[in-house]
Amino acid sequence: MYYDLEYTEPNAKEKGVHGRIDLLGLRAEHGSYTLLLTELKSTRDAVLGKSGAKEHEADSAKYLDMGLGDKRKAEACDAVALLCDLFKKPFPHDLTPEKITDAQIKFVFSDSAAAAESLFRPKDPRTVKVFLCEKDGTERSN
């Protein structure tokens, strides 16, 4: 579930990180949750340019390594609670900050970015590359 878009970390520059993330989300699996920091790339320049995938990966990794992800866990629970209330859906009874045990840096490549993604070699083990197919929108992961 994605719960925030174009998220900007307060005081990011003072903390030494870019602090802007396209999408923040949670994935539930096997009784725990993964915090998703997702970057969307749709052009070759978005993969290889000055704010490309390599730079976003390094910034996201630094962001998580600084412990800023811990603060995001509590905010994620609060955001999901608000969305559940807004849409009259039940709140996941097991969602607590302690249940968010992992973090992932996720890149979604579409359009001309998908052709350029092979030039991006992730360095962080938390990084995952996902591809959107042209017409049906299905995902395939590497």
N, C-alpha and C. Protein backbone atom coordinates (compact mmCIF):
# COMPACT_ATOMS: atom_id res chain seq x y z
N MET A 1 0.85 -1.17 0.00
CA MET A 1 0.00 0.00 0.00
C MET A 1 0.90 1.23 0.00
N TYR A 2 0.72 2.07 -0.99
CA TYR A 2 1.42 3.35 -1.00
C TYR A 2 0.56 4.37 -0.29
N TYR A 3 1.16 5.09 0.63
CA TYR A 3 0.41 6.03 1.47
C TYR A 3 0.89 7.46 1.36
N ASP A 4 1.96 7.74 0.64
CA ASP A 4 2.43 9.11 0.49
C ASP A 4 3.16 9.23 -0.84
N LEU A 5 3.06 10.41 -1.47
CA LEU A 5 3.78 10.63 -2.71
C LEU A 5 4.47 11.98 -2.68
N GLU A 6 5.59 12.03 -3.39
CA GLU A 6 6.43 13.23 -3.39
C GLU A 6 6.73 13.66 -1.96
N TYR A 7 7.08 12.67 -1.15
CA TYR A 7 7.40 12.92 0.26
C TYR A 7 8.72 13.69 0.36
N THR A 8 8.75 14.69 1.22
CA THR A 8 9.98 15.45 1.45
C THR A 8 10.32 15.40 2.93
N GLU A 9 11.51 14.89 3.24
CA GLU A 9 11.98 14.83 4.62
C GLU A 9 12.20 16.24 5.15
N PRO A 10 11.60 16.58 6.29
CA PRO A 10 11.86 17.88 6.90
C PRO A 10 13.34 18.03 7.24
N ASN A 11 13.90 19.19 6.97
CA ASN A 11 15.29 19.50 7.29
C ASN A 11 16.28 18.54 6.65
N ALA A 12 15.96 18.03 5.49
CA ALA A 12 16.82 17.04 4.83
C ALA A 12 18.21 17.57 4.56
N LYS A 13 18.31 18.75 4.04
CA LYS A 13 19.64 19.29 3.68
C LYS A 13 20.54 19.39 4.89
N GLU A 14 19.98 19.79 6.05
CA GLU A 14 20.78 19.86 7.27
C GLU A 14 21.25 18.48 7.71
N LYS A 15 20.49 17.44 7.33
CA LYS A 15 20.84 16.07 7.69
C LYS A 15 21.75 15.43 6.66
N GLY A 16 22.02 16.14 5.55
CA GLY A 16 22.93 15.63 4.53
C GLY A 16 22.33 14.67 3.54
N VAL A 17 21.01 14.69 3.39
CA VAL A 17 20.36 13.83 2.40
C VAL A 17 19.44 14.68 1.53
N HIS A 18 19.16 14.17 0.34
CA HIS A 18 18.26 14.86 -0.58
C HIS A 18 16.86 14.90 0.03
N GLY A 19 16.40 13.76 0.53
CA GLY A 19 15.17 13.69 1.30
C GLY A 19 13.88 13.79 0.53
N ARG A 20 13.91 13.60 -0.79
CA ARG A 20 12.67 13.62 -1.56
C ARG A 20 12.48 12.25 -2.18
N ILE A 21 11.35 11.64 -1.88
CA ILE A 21 11.06 10.27 -2.32
C ILE A 21 9.76 10.30 -3.12
N ASP A 22 9.74 9.65 -4.29
CA ASP A 22 8.54 9.66 -5.12
C ASP A 22 7.34 9.05 -4.40
N LEU A 23 7.52 7.87 -3.84
CA LEU A 23 6.43 7.18 -3.15
C LEU A 23 6.94 6.50 -1.88
N LEU A 24 6.16 6.59 -0.82
CA LEU A 24 6.42 5.83 0.40
C LEU A 24 5.31 4.80 0.54
N GLY A 25 5.69 3.58 0.87
CA GLY A 25 4.68 2.55 0.99
C GLY A 25 5.08 1.47 1.98
N LEU A 26 4.15 0.56 2.20
CA LEU A 26 4.36 -0.61 3.05
C LEU A 26 3.93 -1.84 2.28
N ARG A 27 4.68 -2.92 2.45
CA ARG A 27 4.28 -4.21 1.89
C ARG A 27 4.17 -5.19 3.05
N ALA A 28 3.05 -5.87 3.13
CA ALA A 28 2.84 -6.88 4.17
C ALA A 28 3.20 -8.25 3.61
N GLU A 29 4.04 -8.98 4.36
CA GLU A 29 4.40 -10.34 3.98
C GLU A 29 4.75 -11.14 5.23
N HIS A 30 4.14 -12.28 5.38
CA HIS A 30 4.50 -13.25 6.41
C HIS A 30 4.52 -12.62 7.82
N GLY A 31 3.54 -11.80 8.14
CA GLY A 31 3.43 -11.26 9.50
C GLY A 31 4.29 -10.06 9.81
N SER A 32 5.01 -9.54 8.81
CA SER A 32 5.79 -8.32 9.03
C SER A 32 5.60 -7.39 7.84
N TYR A 33 6.15 -6.19 7.96
CA TYR A 33 5.98 -5.17 6.93
C TYR A 33 7.34 -4.66 6.47
N THR A 34 7.41 -4.27 5.20
CA THR A 34 8.60 -3.67 4.62
C THR A 34 8.26 -2.24 4.22
N LEU A 35 9.10 -1.31 4.65
CA LEU A 35 8.98 0.09 4.25
C LEU A 35 9.56 0.21 2.84
N LEU A 36 8.79 0.79 1.91
CA LEU A 36 9.22 0.93 0.52
C LEU A 36 9.50 2.38 0.19
N LEU A 37 10.74 2.67 -0.20
CA LEU A 37 11.12 3.98 -0.72
C LEU A 37 11.21 3.79 -2.22
N THR A 38 10.24 4.29 -2.96
CA THR A 38 10.11 3.98 -4.38
C THR A 38 10.38 5.19 -5.26
N GLU A 39 11.22 4.98 -6.26
CA GLU A 39 11.53 5.99 -7.26
C GLU A 39 10.97 5.52 -8.60
N LEU A 40 10.29 6.42 -9.29
CA LEU A 40 9.72 6.12 -10.60
C LEU A 40 10.62 6.72 -11.68
N LYS A 41 10.99 5.92 -12.65
CA LYS A 41 11.85 6.36 -13.74
C LYS A 41 11.17 6.01 -15.06
N SER A 42 10.91 7.04 -15.89
CA SER A 42 10.23 6.76 -17.16
C SER A 42 11.02 7.20 -18.39
N THR A 43 12.16 7.86 -18.19
CA THR A 43 12.97 8.26 -19.34
C THR A 43 14.42 7.84 -19.13
N ARG A 44 15.15 7.77 -20.22
CA ARG A 44 16.57 7.43 -20.16
C ARG A 44 17.32 8.44 -19.30
N ASP A 45 17.01 9.73 -19.46
CA ASP A 45 17.66 10.78 -18.67
C ASP A 45 17.37 10.62 -17.17
N ALA A 46 16.18 10.13 -16.83
CA ALA A 46 15.85 9.93 -15.42
C ALA A 46 16.68 8.81 -14.80
N VAL A 47 17.16 7.90 -15.63
CA VAL A 47 18.02 6.82 -15.14
C VAL A 47 19.47 7.27 -15.07
N LEU A 48 19.92 7.99 -16.10
CA LEU A 48 21.34 8.28 -16.25
C LEU A 48 21.73 9.72 -15.94
N GLY A 49 20.78 10.63 -15.81
CA GLY A 49 21.07 12.05 -15.63
C GLY A 49 21.61 12.38 -14.25
N LYS A 50 21.73 13.69 -13.99
CA LYS A 50 22.34 14.14 -12.73
C LYS A 50 21.51 13.77 -11.50
N SER A 51 20.23 13.54 -11.67
CA SER A 51 19.38 13.03 -10.58
C SER A 51 18.93 11.63 -10.92
N GLY A 52 19.86 10.84 -11.43
CA GLY A 52 19.53 9.52 -11.93
C GLY A 52 19.40 8.46 -10.85
N ALA A 53 19.28 7.23 -11.31
CA ALA A 53 19.06 6.10 -10.41
C ALA A 53 20.22 5.93 -9.43
N LYS A 54 21.44 6.07 -9.90
CA LYS A 54 22.61 5.91 -9.04
C LYS A 54 22.59 6.90 -7.88
N GLU A 55 22.29 8.15 -8.18
CA GLU A 55 22.23 9.19 -7.15
C GLU A 55 21.07 8.96 -6.19
N HIS A 56 19.92 8.55 -6.73
CA HIS A 56 18.77 8.28 -5.86
C HIS A 56 19.04 7.09 -4.95
N GLU A 57 19.70 6.07 -5.47
CA GLU A 57 20.01 4.91 -4.64
C GLU A 57 20.94 5.30 -3.50
N ALA A 58 22.00 6.04 -3.81
CA ALA A 58 22.95 6.46 -2.77
C ALA A 58 22.27 7.32 -1.71
N ASP A 59 21.41 8.22 -2.14
CA ASP A 59 20.70 9.10 -1.21
C ASP A 59 19.73 8.30 -0.33
N SER A 60 19.00 7.39 -0.94
CA SER A 60 18.05 6.57 -0.17
C SER A 60 18.77 5.67 0.82
N ALA A 61 19.89 5.10 0.41
CA ALA A 61 20.66 4.24 1.31
C ALA A 61 21.18 5.05 2.49
N LYS A 62 21.70 6.25 2.23
CA LYS A 62 22.19 7.11 3.31
C LYS A 62 21.03 7.48 4.24
N TYR A 63 19.90 7.77 3.66
CA TYR A 63 18.70 8.11 4.41
C TYR A 63 18.34 6.99 5.38
N LEU A 64 18.32 5.76 4.90
CA LEU A 64 18.00 4.61 5.76
C LEU A 64 19.10 4.35 6.79
N ASP A 65 20.36 4.47 6.37
CA ASP A 65 21.48 4.21 7.28
C ASP A 65 21.55 5.21 8.43
N MET A 66 21.02 6.42 8.23
CA MET A 66 21.03 7.43 9.28
C MET A 66 19.93 7.19 10.32
N GLY A 67 19.12 6.17 10.11
CA GLY A 67 18.06 5.87 11.06
C GLY A 67 16.78 6.66 10.82
N LEU A 68 16.75 7.44 9.74
CA LEU A 68 15.55 8.21 9.45
C LEU A 68 14.37 7.30 9.13
N GLY A 69 14.67 6.09 8.67
CA GLY A 69 13.62 5.13 8.40
C GLY A 69 12.82 4.77 9.64
N ASP A 70 13.46 4.80 10.82
CA ASP A 70 12.76 4.49 12.07
C ASP A 70 11.62 5.48 12.32
N LYS A 71 11.87 6.75 12.07
CA LYS A 71 10.82 7.75 12.24
C LYS A 71 9.68 7.53 11.24
N ARG A 72 10.05 7.10 10.03
CA ARG A 72 9.04 6.84 9.00
C ARG A 72 8.11 5.70 9.41
N LYS A 73 8.59 4.76 10.22
CA LYS A 73 7.76 3.63 10.63
C LYS A 73 6.53 4.10 11.41
N ALA A 74 6.74 4.98 12.39
CA ALA A 74 5.61 5.50 13.17
C ALA A 74 4.69 6.32 12.29
N GLU A 75 5.28 7.13 11.41
CA GLU A 75 4.46 7.94 10.50
C GLU A 75 3.65 7.05 9.55
N ALA A 76 4.23 5.92 9.12
CA ALA A 76 3.52 5.00 8.23
C ALA A 76 2.28 4.45 8.92
N CYS A 77 2.42 4.06 10.16
CA CYS A 77 1.27 3.53 10.92
C CYS A 77 0.19 4.59 11.06
N ASP A 78 0.59 5.82 11.36
CA ASP A 78 -0.38 6.91 11.49
C ASP A 78 -1.07 7.20 10.16
N ALA A 79 -0.31 7.20 9.05
CA ALA A 79 -0.88 7.48 7.74
C ALA A 79 -1.88 6.39 7.34
N VAL A 80 -1.51 5.14 7.57
CA VAL A 80 -2.42 4.03 7.24
C VAL A 80 -3.69 4.13 8.09
N ALA A 81 -3.56 4.47 9.35
CA ALA A 81 -4.74 4.63 10.21
C ALA A 81 -5.67 5.71 9.67
N LEU A 82 -5.11 6.83 9.24
CA LEU A 82 -5.91 7.91 8.68
C LEU A 82 -6.60 7.49 7.38
N LEU A 83 -5.86 6.78 6.52
CA LEU A 83 -6.46 6.32 5.27
C LEU A 83 -7.56 5.29 5.52
N CYS A 84 -7.35 4.40 6.46
CA CYS A 84 -8.38 3.41 6.81
C CYS A 84 -9.64 4.11 7.31
N ASP A 85 -9.45 5.12 8.15
CA ASP A 85 -10.59 5.88 8.66
C ASP A 85 -11.30 6.62 7.52
N LEU A 86 -10.54 7.26 6.67
CA LEU A 86 -11.10 8.02 5.56
C LEU A 86 -11.91 7.15 4.62
N PHE A 87 -11.38 5.95 4.30
CA PHE A 87 -12.04 5.06 3.36
C PHE A 87 -12.90 3.99 4.02
N LYS A 88 -13.09 4.13 5.33
CA LYS A 88 -13.96 3.21 6.10
C LYS A 88 -13.53 1.76 5.93
N LYS A 89 -12.22 1.55 6.03
CA LYS A 89 -11.65 0.21 5.94
C LYS A 89 -11.05 -0.15 7.29
N PRO A 90 -11.01 -1.44 7.64
CA PRO A 90 -10.42 -1.82 8.92
C PRO A 90 -8.91 -1.62 8.93
N PHE A 91 -8.41 -1.12 10.02
CA PHE A 91 -6.98 -0.95 10.21
C PHE A 91 -6.34 -2.31 10.43
N PRO A 92 -5.22 -2.61 9.78
CA PRO A 92 -4.55 -3.91 10.00
C PRO A 92 -4.17 -4.06 11.48
N HIS A 93 -4.78 -5.00 12.17
CA HIS A 93 -4.60 -5.13 13.63
C HIS A 93 -3.14 -5.37 14.04
N ASP A 94 -2.34 -5.90 13.13
CA ASP A 94 -0.95 -6.21 13.50
C ASP A 94 0.05 -5.13 13.08
N LEU A 95 -0.42 -4.01 12.52
CA LEU A 95 0.50 -2.97 12.06
C LEU A 95 0.92 -2.06 13.21
N THR A 96 2.17 -2.22 13.61
CA THR A 96 2.80 -1.37 14.61
C THR A 96 4.19 -1.03 14.08
N PRO A 97 4.81 0.03 14.58
CA PRO A 97 6.16 0.35 14.11
C PRO A 97 7.14 -0.82 14.26
N GLU A 98 6.96 -1.62 15.31
CA GLU A 98 7.86 -2.75 15.54
C GLU A 98 7.70 -3.84 14.48
N LYS A 99 6.54 -3.90 13.83
CA LYS A 99 6.28 -4.91 12.81
C LYS A 99 6.88 -4.52 11.46
N ILE A 100 7.33 -3.28 11.33
CA ILE A 100 8.00 -2.84 10.10
C ILE A 100 9.48 -3.17 10.28
N THR A 101 9.86 -4.34 9.79
CA THR A 101 11.17 -4.90 10.12
C THR A 101 12.20 -4.76 9.01
N ASP A 102 11.79 -4.26 7.87
CA ASP A 102 12.71 -4.20 6.74
C ASP A 102 12.45 -2.92 5.96
N ALA A 103 13.39 -2.54 5.13
CA ALA A 103 13.24 -1.40 4.24
C ALA A 103 13.80 -1.80 2.88
N GLN A 104 13.21 -1.24 1.84
CA GLN A 104 13.63 -1.56 0.49
C GLN A 104 13.65 -0.29 -0.34
N ILE A 105 14.66 -0.17 -1.18
CA ILE A 105 14.75 0.93 -2.14
C ILE A 105 14.29 0.34 -3.47
N LYS A 106 13.16 0.81 -3.95
CA LYS A 106 12.55 0.19 -5.12
C LYS A 106 12.55 1.18 -6.28
N PHE A 107 13.03 0.72 -7.43
CA PHE A 107 13.00 1.52 -8.65
C PHE A 107 12.01 0.88 -9.61
N VAL A 108 11.10 1.69 -10.15
CA VAL A 108 10.14 1.23 -11.14
C VAL A 108 10.51 1.88 -12.46
N PHE A 109 10.85 1.07 -13.45
CA PHE A 109 11.27 1.55 -14.76
C PHE A 109 10.15 1.33 -15.77
N SER A 110 9.85 2.36 -16.55
CA SER A 110 8.87 2.23 -17.62
C SER A 110 9.37 3.01 -18.83
N ASP A 111 8.70 2.87 -19.93
CA ASP A 111 9.00 3.59 -21.16
C ASP A 111 10.48 3.51 -21.51
N SER A 112 11.12 4.62 -21.89
CA SER A 112 12.53 4.56 -22.31
C SER A 112 13.48 4.28 -21.15
N ALA A 113 13.03 4.45 -19.92
CA ALA A 113 13.88 4.11 -18.77
C ALA A 113 14.14 2.61 -18.71
N ALA A 114 13.17 1.81 -19.13
CA ALA A 114 13.34 0.35 -19.08
C ALA A 114 14.49 -0.09 -19.97
N ALA A 115 14.69 0.59 -21.10
CA ALA A 115 15.78 0.23 -22.00
C ALA A 115 17.14 0.65 -21.43
N ALA A 116 17.16 1.70 -20.60
CA ALA A 116 18.42 2.21 -20.04
C ALA A 116 18.77 1.59 -18.70
N GLU A 117 17.85 0.88 -18.07
CA GLU A 117 18.09 0.38 -16.71
C GLU A 117 19.28 -0.56 -16.61
N SER A 118 19.65 -1.22 -17.70
CA SER A 118 20.78 -2.15 -17.65
C SER A 118 22.10 -1.41 -17.38
N LEU A 119 22.10 -0.09 -17.59
CA LEU A 119 23.29 0.71 -17.31
C LEU A 119 23.39 1.10 -15.84
N PHE A 120 22.32 0.83 -15.08
CA PHE A 120 22.29 1.09 -13.64
C PHE A 120 22.52 -0.23 -12.91
N ARG A 121 23.60 -0.31 -12.18
CA ARG A 121 23.93 -1.50 -11.40
C ARG A 121 23.82 -1.15 -9.92
N PRO A 122 22.75 -1.60 -9.26
CA PRO A 122 22.58 -1.27 -7.84
C PRO A 122 23.76 -1.72 -7.00
N LYS A 123 24.11 -0.90 -6.03
CA LYS A 123 25.20 -1.22 -5.10
C LYS A 123 24.67 -1.66 -3.74
N ASP A 124 23.48 -1.19 -3.39
CA ASP A 124 22.92 -1.49 -2.07
C ASP A 124 22.06 -2.76 -2.15
N PRO A 125 22.25 -3.70 -1.22
CA PRO A 125 21.47 -4.94 -1.27
C PRO A 125 19.97 -4.73 -1.04
N ARG A 126 19.58 -3.57 -0.54
CA ARG A 126 18.15 -3.28 -0.33
C ARG A 126 17.46 -2.81 -1.61
N THR A 127 18.21 -2.63 -2.69
CA THR A 127 17.65 -2.09 -3.93
C THR A 127 17.06 -3.19 -4.79
N VAL A 128 15.86 -2.91 -5.30
CA VAL A 128 15.14 -3.83 -6.18
C VAL A 128 14.73 -3.06 -7.43
N LYS A 129 14.86 -3.70 -8.59
CA LYS A 129 14.42 -3.10 -9.83
C LYS A 129 13.16 -3.81 -10.30
N VAL A 130 12.16 -3.03 -10.70
CA VAL A 130 10.89 -3.56 -11.18
C VAL A 130 10.60 -2.89 -12.52
N PHE A 131 9.96 -3.61 -13.41
CA PHE A 131 9.67 -3.08 -14.74
C PHE A 131 8.18 -3.12 -15.00
N LEU A 132 7.67 -2.06 -15.60
CA LEU A 132 6.28 -2.04 -16.03
C LEU A 132 6.24 -2.35 -17.52
N CYS A 133 5.42 -3.31 -17.88
CA CYS A 133 5.28 -3.64 -19.29
C CYS A 133 4.50 -2.53 -19.99
N GLU A 134 4.62 -2.46 -21.30
CA GLU A 134 4.09 -1.32 -22.05
C GLU A 134 2.58 -1.12 -21.91
N LYS A 135 1.79 -2.16 -22.08
CA LYS A 135 0.35 -1.92 -22.15
C LYS A 135 -0.44 -2.43 -20.96
N ASP A 136 -0.08 -3.56 -20.41
CA ASP A 136 -0.94 -4.12 -19.36
C ASP A 136 -0.53 -3.71 -17.95
N GLY A 137 0.61 -3.06 -17.80
CA GLY A 137 1.00 -2.55 -16.49
C GLY A 137 1.46 -3.61 -15.50
N THR A 138 1.64 -4.84 -15.93
CA THR A 138 2.09 -5.87 -15.01
C THR A 138 3.56 -5.66 -14.66
N GLU A 139 3.96 -6.15 -13.49
CA GLU A 139 5.32 -6.01 -13.02
C GLU A 139 6.10 -7.28 -13.28
N ARG A 140 7.40 -7.09 -13.50
CA ARG A 140 8.32 -8.22 -13.48
C ARG A 140 9.57 -7.73 -12.76
N SER A 141 10.07 -8.51 -11.80
CA SER A 141 11.21 -8.09 -11.02
C SER A 141 12.47 -8.81 -11.45
N ASN A 142 13.60 -8.15 -11.26
CA ASN A 142 14.91 -8.78 -11.47
C ASN A 142 15.42 -9.27 -10.15
